[in-house]
């Protein structure tokens, strides 16, 4: 039986290659709020495009990674929007395995404060990037407005992060620094939700 660490971006790429990358990006963009390494797998895929041909790392094609991730990010969010438009908040239940009520509340708060901008900003926040397209569909955000914001968000996140990985892969020895780099990406991705949590706590306890 194939043993895969689903939280390890390197393991996912080594096992499934570009298909694994695109599946993670697709699912995280609006399908299931499951803890997948979206940010780090994009970065690592870009880095492997730069280093794989000359090292033990898997070699990926930059054009396929960038364009494929861009398309997968757009498609995942558009399907999430359609799910929200069709089923609304009926998906979310306190005891649900994936669509927990707490995710809905966190995403709703983020969406209410930022409106259409949240579709772009949420790309960089785990869990929230999955919930926001569903909330946009639930709240009947105009389809054209969502599509434009989705396009911008997908380009900024999928293309931007993978190209950053490619650029850094050209500049440093990724094999040597892979784990510190992934750790830094994970920490950076956790900063926005932590700040949101602190802001929410401060608003709930003004005294």
Protein backbone atom coordinates (compact mmCIF):
# COMPACT_ATOMS: atom_id res chain seq x y z
CA UNK A 1 0.00 0.00 0.00
CA UNK A 2 1.29 3.46 -0.91
CA UNK A 3 2.26 5.40 2.22
CA UNK A 4 2.15 9.16 1.63
CA UNK A 5 2.53 12.01 4.09
CA UNK A 6 -0.27 14.30 2.88
CA UNK A 7 1.14 17.22 4.87
CA UNK A 8 4.60 16.97 3.29
CA UNK A 9 4.84 18.94 0.02
CA UNK A 10 8.08 17.16 -0.95
CA UNK A 11 6.52 13.75 -0.37
CA UNK A 12 3.45 14.67 -2.42
CA UNK A 13 5.52 15.93 -5.36
CA UNK A 14 7.91 12.95 -5.27
CA UNK A 15 4.97 10.52 -5.18
CA UNK A 16 2.45 12.14 -7.54
CA UNK A 17 4.48 14.72 -9.45
CA UNK A 18 2.64 17.56 -11.15
CA UNK A 19 -0.71 15.78 -10.76
CA UNK A 20 -0.34 15.86 -6.96
CA UNK A 21 0.47 19.57 -7.06
CA UNK A 22 -2.54 20.42 -9.22
CA UNK A 23 -4.88 18.30 -7.10
CA UNK A 24 -3.80 20.06 -3.89
CA UNK A 25 -4.22 23.50 -5.49
CA UNK A 26 -7.63 22.55 -6.90
CA UNK A 27 -8.98 21.14 -3.63
CA UNK A 28 -7.65 23.99 -1.49
CA UNK A 29 -9.11 26.63 -3.78
CA UNK A 30 -12.75 25.99 -2.91
CA UNK A 31 -13.63 22.31 -2.60
CA UNK A 32 -12.84 20.86 0.85
CA UNK A 33 -11.36 22.77 3.84
CA UNK A 34 -8.75 20.08 4.55
CA UNK A 35 -5.24 20.85 5.89
CA UNK A 36 -3.14 20.53 2.72
CA UNK A 37 0.23 22.26 2.13
CA UNK A 38 -0.96 24.58 -0.64
CA UNK A 39 1.53 27.41 -0.13
CA UNK A 40 4.59 25.24 0.42
CA UNK A 41 3.82 22.79 -2.41
CA UNK A 42 3.53 25.67 -4.89
CA UNK A 43 6.83 27.13 -3.71
CA UNK A 44 8.58 23.76 -3.77
CA UNK A 45 7.23 22.89 -7.21
CA UNK A 46 8.64 26.15 -8.55
CA UNK A 47 12.00 25.41 -6.90
CA UNK A 48 12.09 21.89 -8.39
CA UNK A 49 11.54 23.41 -11.83
CA UNK A 50 14.84 25.23 -11.31
CA UNK A 51 16.87 22.46 -9.65
CA UNK A 52 15.41 19.06 -10.53
CA UNK A 53 17.37 18.54 -13.74
CA UNK A 54 20.68 18.89 -11.87
CA UNK A 55 19.96 17.24 -8.49
CA UNK A 56 18.18 14.36 -6.83
CA UNK A 57 14.96 16.40 -6.69
CA UNK A 58 12.11 15.60 -9.09
CA UNK A 59 12.22 17.72 -12.23
CA UNK A 60 9.05 19.59 -13.08
CA UNK A 61 8.27 21.73 -16.12
CA UNK A 62 7.89 25.41 -15.20
CA UNK A 63 5.23 26.20 -17.82
CA UNK A 64 3.12 23.21 -16.76
CA UNK A 65 3.46 24.08 -13.06
CA UNK A 66 2.62 27.76 -13.49
CA UNK A 67 -0.19 27.46 -16.04
CA UNK A 68 -1.57 24.27 -14.51
CA UNK A 69 -1.64 25.72 -10.99
CA UNK A 70 -3.25 28.90 -12.28
CA UNK A 71 -5.99 26.92 -14.04
CA UNK A 72 -6.51 24.57 -11.06
CA UNK A 73 -6.78 27.53 -8.66
CA UNK A 74 -9.39 29.23 -10.84
CA UNK A 75 -11.40 26.03 -11.39
CA UNK A 76 -11.42 25.08 -7.70
CA UNK A 77 -12.68 28.49 -6.61
CA UNK A 78 -15.32 28.66 -9.34
CA UNK A 79 -16.68 25.26 -8.30
CA UNK A 80 -16.65 26.44 -4.67
CA UNK A 81 -18.66 29.49 -5.71
CA UNK A 82 -21.15 27.24 -7.53
CA UNK A 83 -21.44 24.98 -4.46
CA UNK A 84 -22.18 27.99 -2.24
CA UNK A 85 -24.69 29.36 -4.75
CA UNK A 86 -26.49 26.02 -4.94
CA UNK A 87 -26.36 24.73 -1.37
CA UNK A 88 -25.57 27.79 0.78
CA UNK A 89 -24.93 27.31 4.47
CA UNK A 90 -26.69 23.92 4.57
CA UNK A 91 -23.28 22.30 4.06
CA UNK A 92 -21.90 23.51 7.39
CA UNK A 93 -22.67 21.65 10.60
CA UNK A 94 -20.95 21.69 14.02
CA UNK A 95 -20.22 17.96 13.90
CA UNK A 96 -19.16 17.86 10.23
CA UNK A 97 -15.75 16.42 9.39
CA UNK A 98 -14.80 19.02 6.79
CA UNK A 99 -17.50 21.72 6.64
CA UNK A 100 -17.45 22.73 10.30
CA UNK A 101 -19.57 25.67 11.48
CA UNK A 102 -16.48 27.33 12.96
CA UNK A 103 -14.89 27.52 9.49
CA UNK A 104 -18.02 29.19 8.17
CA UNK A 105 -17.99 31.76 11.00
CA UNK A 106 -14.30 32.57 10.49
CA UNK A 107 -14.71 32.89 6.75
CA UNK A 108 -17.91 34.94 7.04
CA UNK A 109 -16.21 37.43 9.35
CA UNK A 110 -13.28 37.76 6.94
CA UNK A 111 -15.64 38.14 3.96
CA UNK A 112 -17.90 40.71 5.66
CA UNK A 113 -15.00 43.00 6.55
CA UNK A 114 -13.36 43.01 3.13
CA UNK A 115 -16.03 42.25 0.56
CA UNK A 116 -14.72 41.36 -2.92
CA UNK A 117 -11.11 41.97 -1.80
CA UNK A 118 -11.42 38.93 0.44
CA UNK A 119 -11.43 36.64 -2.61
CA UNK A 120 -7.89 37.83 -3.42
CA UNK A 121 -6.57 38.16 0.14
CA UNK A 122 -7.94 34.79 1.26
CA UNK A 123 -5.66 33.00 -1.21
CA UNK A 124 -2.84 33.41 1.29
CA UNK A 125 -4.73 32.09 4.33
CA UNK A 126 -5.17 28.31 4.80
CA UNK A 127 -8.80 27.15 5.26
CA UNK A 128 -10.10 30.67 4.56
CA UNK A 129 -9.10 30.38 0.88
CA UNK A 130 -11.33 27.29 0.65
CA UNK A 131 -14.32 28.82 2.42
CA UNK A 132 -14.43 32.28 0.81
CA UNK A 133 -15.57 31.11 -2.67
CA UNK A 134 -18.40 29.14 -1.03
CA UNK A 135 -19.39 32.20 1.00
CA UNK A 136 -19.27 34.39 -2.10
CA UNK A 137 -21.71 32.02 -3.81
CA UNK A 138 -23.90 31.81 -0.71
CA UNK A 139 -24.06 35.60 -0.44
CA UNK A 140 -24.94 35.90 -4.15
CA UNK A 141 -21.83 37.96 -4.96
CA UNK A 142 -22.22 38.87 -8.67
CA UNK A 143 -20.69 36.09 -10.78
CA UNK A 144 -18.68 38.48 -12.95
CA UNK A 145 -17.24 40.33 -9.95
CA UNK A 146 -16.25 37.03 -8.33
CA UNK A 147 -14.68 35.73 -11.55
CA UNK A 148 -12.47 38.84 -11.87
CA UNK A 149 -11.39 38.67 -8.22
CA UNK A 150 -10.78 34.92 -8.60
CA UNK A 151 -8.58 35.53 -11.66
CA UNK A 152 -6.49 38.11 -9.79
CA UNK A 153 -6.22 35.94 -6.67
CA UNK A 154 -5.21 32.84 -8.63
CA UNK A 155 -2.53 34.78 -10.51
CA UNK A 156 -1.15 36.37 -7.34
CA UNK A 157 -1.09 33.13 -5.36
CA UNK A 158 -0.53 30.22 -7.74
CA UNK A 159 1.68 32.00 -10.25
CA UNK A 160 3.37 34.32 -7.76
CA UNK A 161 4.34 31.69 -5.17
CA UNK A 162 5.53 29.12 -7.72
CA UNK A 163 7.63 31.75 -9.52
CA UNK A 164 9.09 32.85 -6.20
CA UNK A 165 10.13 29.24 -5.61
CA UNK A 166 11.66 29.07 -9.09
CA UNK A 167 13.63 32.26 -8.54
CA UNK A 168 14.91 31.10 -5.15
CA UNK A 169 15.69 27.65 -6.55
CA UNK A 170 18.00 29.37 -9.05
CA UNK A 171 19.69 31.34 -6.29
CA UNK A 172 20.31 28.86 -3.45
CA UNK A 173 20.79 25.14 -2.80
CA UNK A 174 17.20 24.03 -2.20
CA UNK A 175 18.31 20.53 -1.15
CA UNK A 176 20.29 22.03 1.71
CA UNK A 177 17.64 24.46 2.96
CA UNK A 178 14.39 22.74 1.99
CA UNK A 179 13.10 22.07 5.52
CA UNK A 180 13.88 25.55 6.94
CA UNK A 181 12.28 27.12 3.86
CA UNK A 182 9.11 25.03 4.17
CA UNK A 183 8.97 25.83 7.90
CA UNK A 184 9.22 29.57 7.16
CA UNK A 185 6.42 29.33 4.56
CA UNK A 186 4.19 27.51 7.04
CA UNK A 187 4.86 30.12 9.75
CA UNK A 188 4.17 32.98 7.32
CA UNK A 189 0.89 31.38 6.22
CA UNK A 190 -0.21 31.14 9.86
CA UNK A 191 0.43 34.82 10.65
CA UNK A 192 -2.76 36.21 8.96
CA UNK A 193 -5.16 33.82 10.76
CA UNK A 194 -3.34 34.47 14.04
CA UNK A 195 -3.74 38.22 13.63
CA UNK A 196 -7.41 37.73 12.75
CA UNK A 197 -7.86 35.60 15.86
CA UNK A 198 -6.25 38.26 18.08
CA UNK A 199 -8.39 40.97 16.52
CA UNK A 200 -11.51 38.87 17.05
CA UNK A 201 -10.58 38.18 20.68
CA UNK A 202 -9.94 41.89 21.31
CA UNK A 203 -13.30 42.80 19.79
CA UNK A 204 -15.05 40.14 21.90
CA UNK A 205 -13.39 41.33 25.13
CA UNK A 206 -13.16 45.12 24.90
CA UNK A 207 -12.58 45.40 28.63
